[in-house]
Amino acid sequence: MNFLTSVSLNQLDQIEQWQLKRNNQICGMKRRNFIMNSSLSLGAGSLGWIPSLAEPTLPKICLLGDSIRMGYAPYVTEILKDKAQIFSPKENRSDSINLLKYLHLWVQVEKPYIVHLNCGLHDLKTLAYGAGPTENLVPIHQYKENVGRIFDFISKYQPTCRIIWATITPVNEKKAHESHAQWKDFDRYEQSVVDYNLAAKEVCKKKKVEVNDLFAFCMENKIQALQNEDGVHFKEEGSRRLGEKVATVLNSEH
């Protein structure tokens, strides 16, 4: 029996009761135009969920992270639609600082059974086009600290939640450099991906957090060949393969 089919009836009752309470609260907020699972109006802008395809009594999973997550999320949602509610923000949550900033909305408010998250591609990008691989937007020591704070927050406010950290997917630095030549805004380097992944894995080991090594998966299965010309994002087939990998991990025992 896998994880998603082993959730107890008592847990499902708790989910249903919590959602009923939440629905009642929402009914009293009509003036604020609160739309469940669709949009949440805040001063910082709209932080909406991509609507789940699943029954509301199924276990809830939050997929958090950057545009790579945005690419594979629809495939995970479709694959697990009979086993879990998949909640994935409409917005690109970019770097570790941004993820920390809004983490309370996804963890404290949604109370998921699993959080699968990634960030790093925006942290490791350089401060300037043509800058070296050590001039990063979020320095690696700060990234490492932020990842630890993310895990600590989830563990504190949702202690029964299963946390899965996804590693940064590969970058083709030559293509990435060429794709930004027009704007001359920033670069991404292959060695930075390796270094930042290593830093995050060290935190995962210390905090006993499960790792979904999407970097290794891409390298071992030549998924990098399915990237777009920007050397970072994936074509539809690449996102589908990543979605299948993520869904398999989510549906596994740990």
Protein backbone atom coordinates (compact mmCIF):
# COMPACT_ATOMS: atom_id res chain seq x y z
CA MET A 1 0.00 0.00 0.00
CA ASN A 2 1.44 3.36 -0.97
CA PHE A 3 1.36 6.57 1.06
CA LEU A 4 -1.57 8.19 -0.69
CA THR A 5 -3.85 5.19 -0.20
CA SER A 6 -2.89 4.68 3.45
CA VAL A 7 -4.36 7.90 4.86
CA SER A 8 -6.76 6.92 7.64
CA LEU A 9 -10.49 7.64 7.66
CA ASN A 10 -9.92 9.73 10.77
CA GLN A 11 -7.48 11.90 8.86
CA LEU A 12 -9.96 12.28 6.02
CA ASP A 13 -12.64 13.29 8.53
CA GLN A 14 -10.29 15.94 9.90
CA ILE A 15 -9.68 17.26 6.39
CA GLU A 16 -13.42 17.42 5.69
CA GLN A 17 -14.17 19.15 8.99
CA TRP A 18 -11.42 21.69 8.44
CA GLN A 19 -12.63 22.42 4.91
CA LEU A 20 -16.23 22.86 6.14
CA LYS A 21 -14.99 25.35 8.73
CA ARG A 22 -12.96 27.12 6.06
CA ASN A 23 -15.94 27.29 3.71
CA ASN A 24 -18.03 28.86 6.46
CA GLN A 25 -15.33 31.46 7.01
CA ILE A 26 -15.20 32.20 3.31
CA CYS A 27 -18.96 32.75 3.17
CA GLY A 28 -18.50 35.63 5.59
CA MET A 29 -15.86 37.26 3.38
CA LYS A 30 -17.90 37.91 0.23
CA ARG A 31 -17.07 41.58 0.29
CA ARG A 32 -13.42 40.67 -0.13
CA ASN A 33 -14.19 38.53 -3.20
CA PHE A 34 -12.35 35.55 -1.80
CA ILE A 35 -12.49 32.67 -4.27
CA MET A 36 -11.46 29.33 -2.82
CA ASN A 37 -8.51 27.66 -4.56
CA SER A 38 -8.55 30.32 -7.25
CA SER A 39 -7.39 33.67 -5.97
CA LEU A 40 -6.41 35.32 -2.72
CA SER A 41 -6.17 39.09 -2.85
CA LEU A 42 -3.31 40.52 -0.83
CA GLY A 43 -1.38 43.74 -0.78
CA ALA A 44 1.49 42.01 -2.56
CA GLY A 45 -0.72 40.92 -5.45
CA SER A 46 -2.73 37.86 -6.35
CA LEU A 47 -1.49 34.57 -4.92
CA GLY A 48 -3.86 32.08 -6.48
CA TRP A 49 -3.89 28.32 -6.66
CA ILE A 50 -4.26 26.33 -9.84
CA PRO A 51 -7.57 24.54 -9.07
CA SER A 52 -7.25 20.93 -7.94
CA LEU A 53 -8.94 18.23 -10.03
CA ALA A 54 -9.47 15.90 -7.06
CA GLU A 55 -12.20 15.26 -4.54
CA PRO A 56 -11.89 17.60 -1.53
CA THR A 57 -11.69 14.66 0.91
CA LEU A 58 -8.43 13.36 -0.57
CA PRO A 59 -5.07 14.17 1.04
CA LYS A 60 -3.66 17.56 0.14
CA ILE A 61 -0.27 18.06 -1.51
CA CYS A 62 1.35 21.44 -2.13
CA LEU A 63 3.78 21.80 -5.02
CA LEU A 64 5.91 24.88 -4.42
CA GLY A 65 8.75 26.38 -6.39
CA ASP A 66 9.83 28.13 -9.55
CA SER A 67 8.92 27.88 -13.24
CA ILE A 68 10.24 24.31 -13.47
CA ARG A 69 7.57 23.37 -10.94
CA MET A 70 5.01 25.31 -12.97
CA GLY A 71 5.92 23.17 -15.97
CA TYR A 72 5.49 19.77 -14.34
CA ALA A 73 2.62 20.60 -11.93
CA PRO A 74 -0.22 19.98 -14.43
CA TYR A 75 1.11 16.50 -15.16
CA VAL A 76 1.37 15.66 -11.45
CA THR A 77 -2.18 16.94 -10.95
CA GLU A 78 -3.52 14.75 -13.74
CA ILE A 79 -1.59 11.62 -12.68
CA LEU A 80 -2.66 11.83 -9.03
CA LYS A 81 -6.17 13.24 -9.50
CA ASP A 82 -7.77 10.10 -8.00
CA LYS A 83 -5.35 9.96 -5.07
CA ALA A 84 -4.65 13.50 -3.88
CA GLN A 85 -5.57 17.16 -4.10
CA ILE A 86 -2.66 18.90 -5.80
CA PHE A 87 -2.33 22.59 -4.98
CA SER A 88 0.16 24.56 -7.02
CA PRO A 89 0.48 28.36 -6.99
CA LYS A 90 -0.23 30.13 -10.27
CA GLU A 91 2.76 32.38 -9.69
CA ASN A 92 6.45 31.68 -10.07
CA ARG A 93 7.71 31.72 -6.50
CA SER A 94 11.26 32.24 -7.82
CA ASP A 95 14.00 32.31 -5.16
CA SER A 96 14.29 31.06 -1.59
CA ILE A 97 13.54 34.49 -0.12
CA ASN A 98 10.26 34.74 -2.02
CA LEU A 99 9.35 31.20 -1.02
CA LEU A 100 9.94 32.03 2.63
CA LYS A 101 7.90 35.20 2.34
CA TYR A 102 4.69 33.41 1.36
CA LEU A 103 5.27 30.02 2.99
CA HIS A 104 2.74 30.73 5.73
CA LEU A 105 -0.08 30.89 3.17
CA TRP A 106 0.63 27.41 1.88
CA VAL A 107 1.59 25.69 5.12
CA GLN A 108 -0.44 27.36 7.88
CA VAL A 109 -3.53 28.02 5.77
CA GLU A 110 -3.66 24.94 3.55
CA LYS A 111 -2.23 22.43 6.08
CA PRO A 112 -0.96 19.90 3.51
CA TYR A 113 0.04 16.31 4.17
CA ILE A 114 2.96 16.68 1.78
CA VAL A 115 4.95 19.68 0.63
CA HIS A 116 7.13 19.10 -2.44
CA LEU A 117 9.25 22.13 -3.13
CA ASN A 118 12.22 23.47 -5.05
CA CYS A 119 14.03 26.73 -5.57
CA GLY A 120 17.51 27.72 -6.63
CA LEU A 121 17.52 28.71 -10.28
CA HIS A 122 16.74 32.30 -9.29
CA ASP A 123 19.02 32.26 -6.25
CA LEU A 124 22.07 31.26 -8.27
CA LYS A 125 21.60 33.65 -11.19
CA THR A 126 24.30 36.30 -11.33
CA LEU A 127 23.96 39.95 -10.35
CA ALA A 128 25.04 41.05 -13.82
CA TYR A 129 25.36 39.64 -17.31
CA GLY A 130 28.88 38.33 -17.75
CA ALA A 131 29.53 38.24 -14.01
CA GLY A 132 31.35 35.24 -12.63
CA PRO A 133 29.64 32.22 -11.05
CA THR A 134 30.33 33.49 -7.52
CA GLU A 135 28.41 36.79 -7.92
CA ASN A 136 24.98 35.32 -7.23
CA LEU A 137 21.70 37.03 -6.44
CA VAL A 138 21.38 35.01 -3.24
CA PRO A 139 24.86 33.93 -2.05
CA ILE A 140 25.19 30.23 -1.42
CA HIS A 141 25.60 30.59 2.35
CA GLN A 142 22.37 32.61 2.47
CA TYR A 143 20.61 30.09 0.22
CA LYS A 144 21.65 27.30 2.54
CA GLU A 145 20.32 29.20 5.54
CA ASN A 146 17.04 29.98 3.75
CA VAL A 147 16.50 26.31 2.86
CA GLY A 148 16.99 25.40 6.51
CA ARG A 149 14.51 28.07 7.60
CA ILE A 150 11.96 26.75 5.08
CA PHE A 151 12.23 23.25 6.56
CA ASP A 152 12.05 24.59 10.13
CA PHE A 153 8.92 26.61 9.36
CA ILE A 154 7.09 23.65 7.83
CA SER A 155 8.12 21.35 10.70
CA LYS A 156 6.96 23.87 13.28
CA TYR A 157 3.58 24.78 11.83
CA GLN A 158 2.69 21.47 10.17
CA PRO A 159 4.71 18.90 12.17
CA THR A 160 3.07 15.84 10.58
CA CYS A 161 3.77 17.07 7.05
CA ARG A 162 6.06 15.04 4.81
CA ILE A 163 8.64 17.39 3.26
CA ILE A 164 10.25 16.55 -0.08
CA TRP A 165 12.99 18.75 -1.48
CA ALA A 166 13.53 18.68 -5.25
CA THR A 167 17.01 19.52 -6.50
CA ILE A 168 17.70 22.21 -9.08
CA THR A 169 17.43 20.90 -12.63
CA PRO A 170 20.42 21.21 -15.03
CA VAL A 171 21.40 24.38 -16.87
CA ASN A 172 23.13 24.70 -20.22
CA GLU A 173 25.21 27.79 -19.45
CA LYS A 174 26.16 28.47 -23.09
CA LYS A 175 22.52 28.52 -24.22
CA ALA A 176 21.49 30.44 -21.12
CA HIS A 177 24.15 33.08 -21.81
CA GLU A 178 23.13 33.42 -25.46
CA SER A 179 19.42 33.67 -24.61
CA HIS A 180 20.10 36.68 -22.35
CA ALA A 181 22.42 38.50 -24.75
CA GLN A 182 19.59 40.78 -25.87
CA TRP A 183 18.81 42.02 -22.34
CA LYS A 184 22.23 41.55 -20.74
CA ASP A 185 20.60 41.00 -17.37
CA PHE A 186 22.13 37.88 -15.80
CA ASP A 187 23.78 34.51 -16.34
CA ARG A 188 23.43 31.03 -14.89
CA TYR A 189 26.34 28.61 -14.58
CA GLU A 190 26.42 24.83 -14.57
CA GLN A 191 28.85 24.69 -11.64
CA SER A 192 26.52 26.89 -9.61
CA VAL A 193 23.75 24.32 -10.02
CA VAL A 194 26.07 21.61 -8.68
CA ASP A 195 27.22 23.78 -5.76
CA TYR A 196 23.76 24.95 -4.73
CA ASN A 197 22.37 21.42 -4.94
CA LEU A 198 25.17 20.18 -2.72
CA ALA A 199 24.46 22.94 -0.20
CA ALA A 200 20.74 22.09 -0.10
CA LYS A 201 21.45 18.36 0.24
CA GLU A 202 23.63 19.08 3.26
CA VAL A 203 20.69 20.84 4.88
CA CYS A 204 18.36 17.97 3.95
CA LYS A 205 20.72 15.47 5.57
CA LYS A 206 20.95 17.55 8.74
CA LYS A 207 17.19 18.13 8.94
CA LYS A 208 16.32 14.58 7.80
CA VAL A 209 14.36 15.84 4.79
CA GLU A 210 13.65 13.57 1.83
CA VAL A 211 15.31 14.48 -1.49
CA ASN A 212 13.80 14.07 -4.94
CA ASP A 213 16.95 14.38 -7.04
CA LEU A 214 15.56 15.86 -10.24
CA PHE A 215 19.06 16.92 -11.28
CA ALA A 216 20.29 13.31 -11.25
CA PHE A 217 17.08 12.15 -12.93
CA CYS A 218 17.61 14.61 -15.78
CA MET A 219 21.25 13.66 -16.24
CA GLU A 220 20.67 9.90 -16.07
CA ASN A 221 17.70 9.95 -18.46
CA LYS A 222 18.96 12.66 -20.85
CA ILE A 223 16.03 14.93 -19.97
CA GLN A 224 18.34 17.87 -20.53
CA ALA A 225 18.01 17.16 -24.25
CA LEU A 226 14.35 18.15 -23.86
CA GLN A 227 15.15 21.70 -22.77
CA ASN A 228 14.18 24.83 -24.66
CA GLU A 229 16.75 27.00 -26.37
CA ASP A 230 17.10 29.10 -23.21
CA GLY A 231 19.07 26.25 -21.64
CA VAL A 232 16.90 26.26 -18.51
CA HIS A 233 13.23 25.49 -19.13
CA PHE A 234 11.79 22.32 -20.61
CA LYS A 235 9.71 21.49 -23.63
CA GLU A 236 6.36 19.81 -23.03
CA GLU A 237 7.87 16.32 -23.15
CA GLY A 238 10.53 17.27 -20.63
CA SER A 239 7.96 18.70 -18.22
CA ARG A 240 5.84 15.58 -18.64
CA ARG A 241 8.80 13.34 -17.74
CA LEU A 242 9.55 15.45 -14.69
CA GLY A 243 5.87 15.32 -13.69
CA GLU A 244 5.89 11.54 -13.88
CA LYS A 245 8.98 11.42 -11.69
CA VAL A 246 7.48 13.78 -9.11
CA ALA A 247 4.19 11.86 -9.05
CA THR A 248 6.05 8.58 -8.47
CA VAL A 249 7.94 10.06 -5.52
CA LEU A 250 4.79 11.58 -4.04
CA ASN A 251 2.97 8.26 -4.25
CA SER A 252 5.78 6.27 -2.66
CA GLU A 253 6.44 5.24 0.93
CA HIS A 254 9.35 6.96 2.63
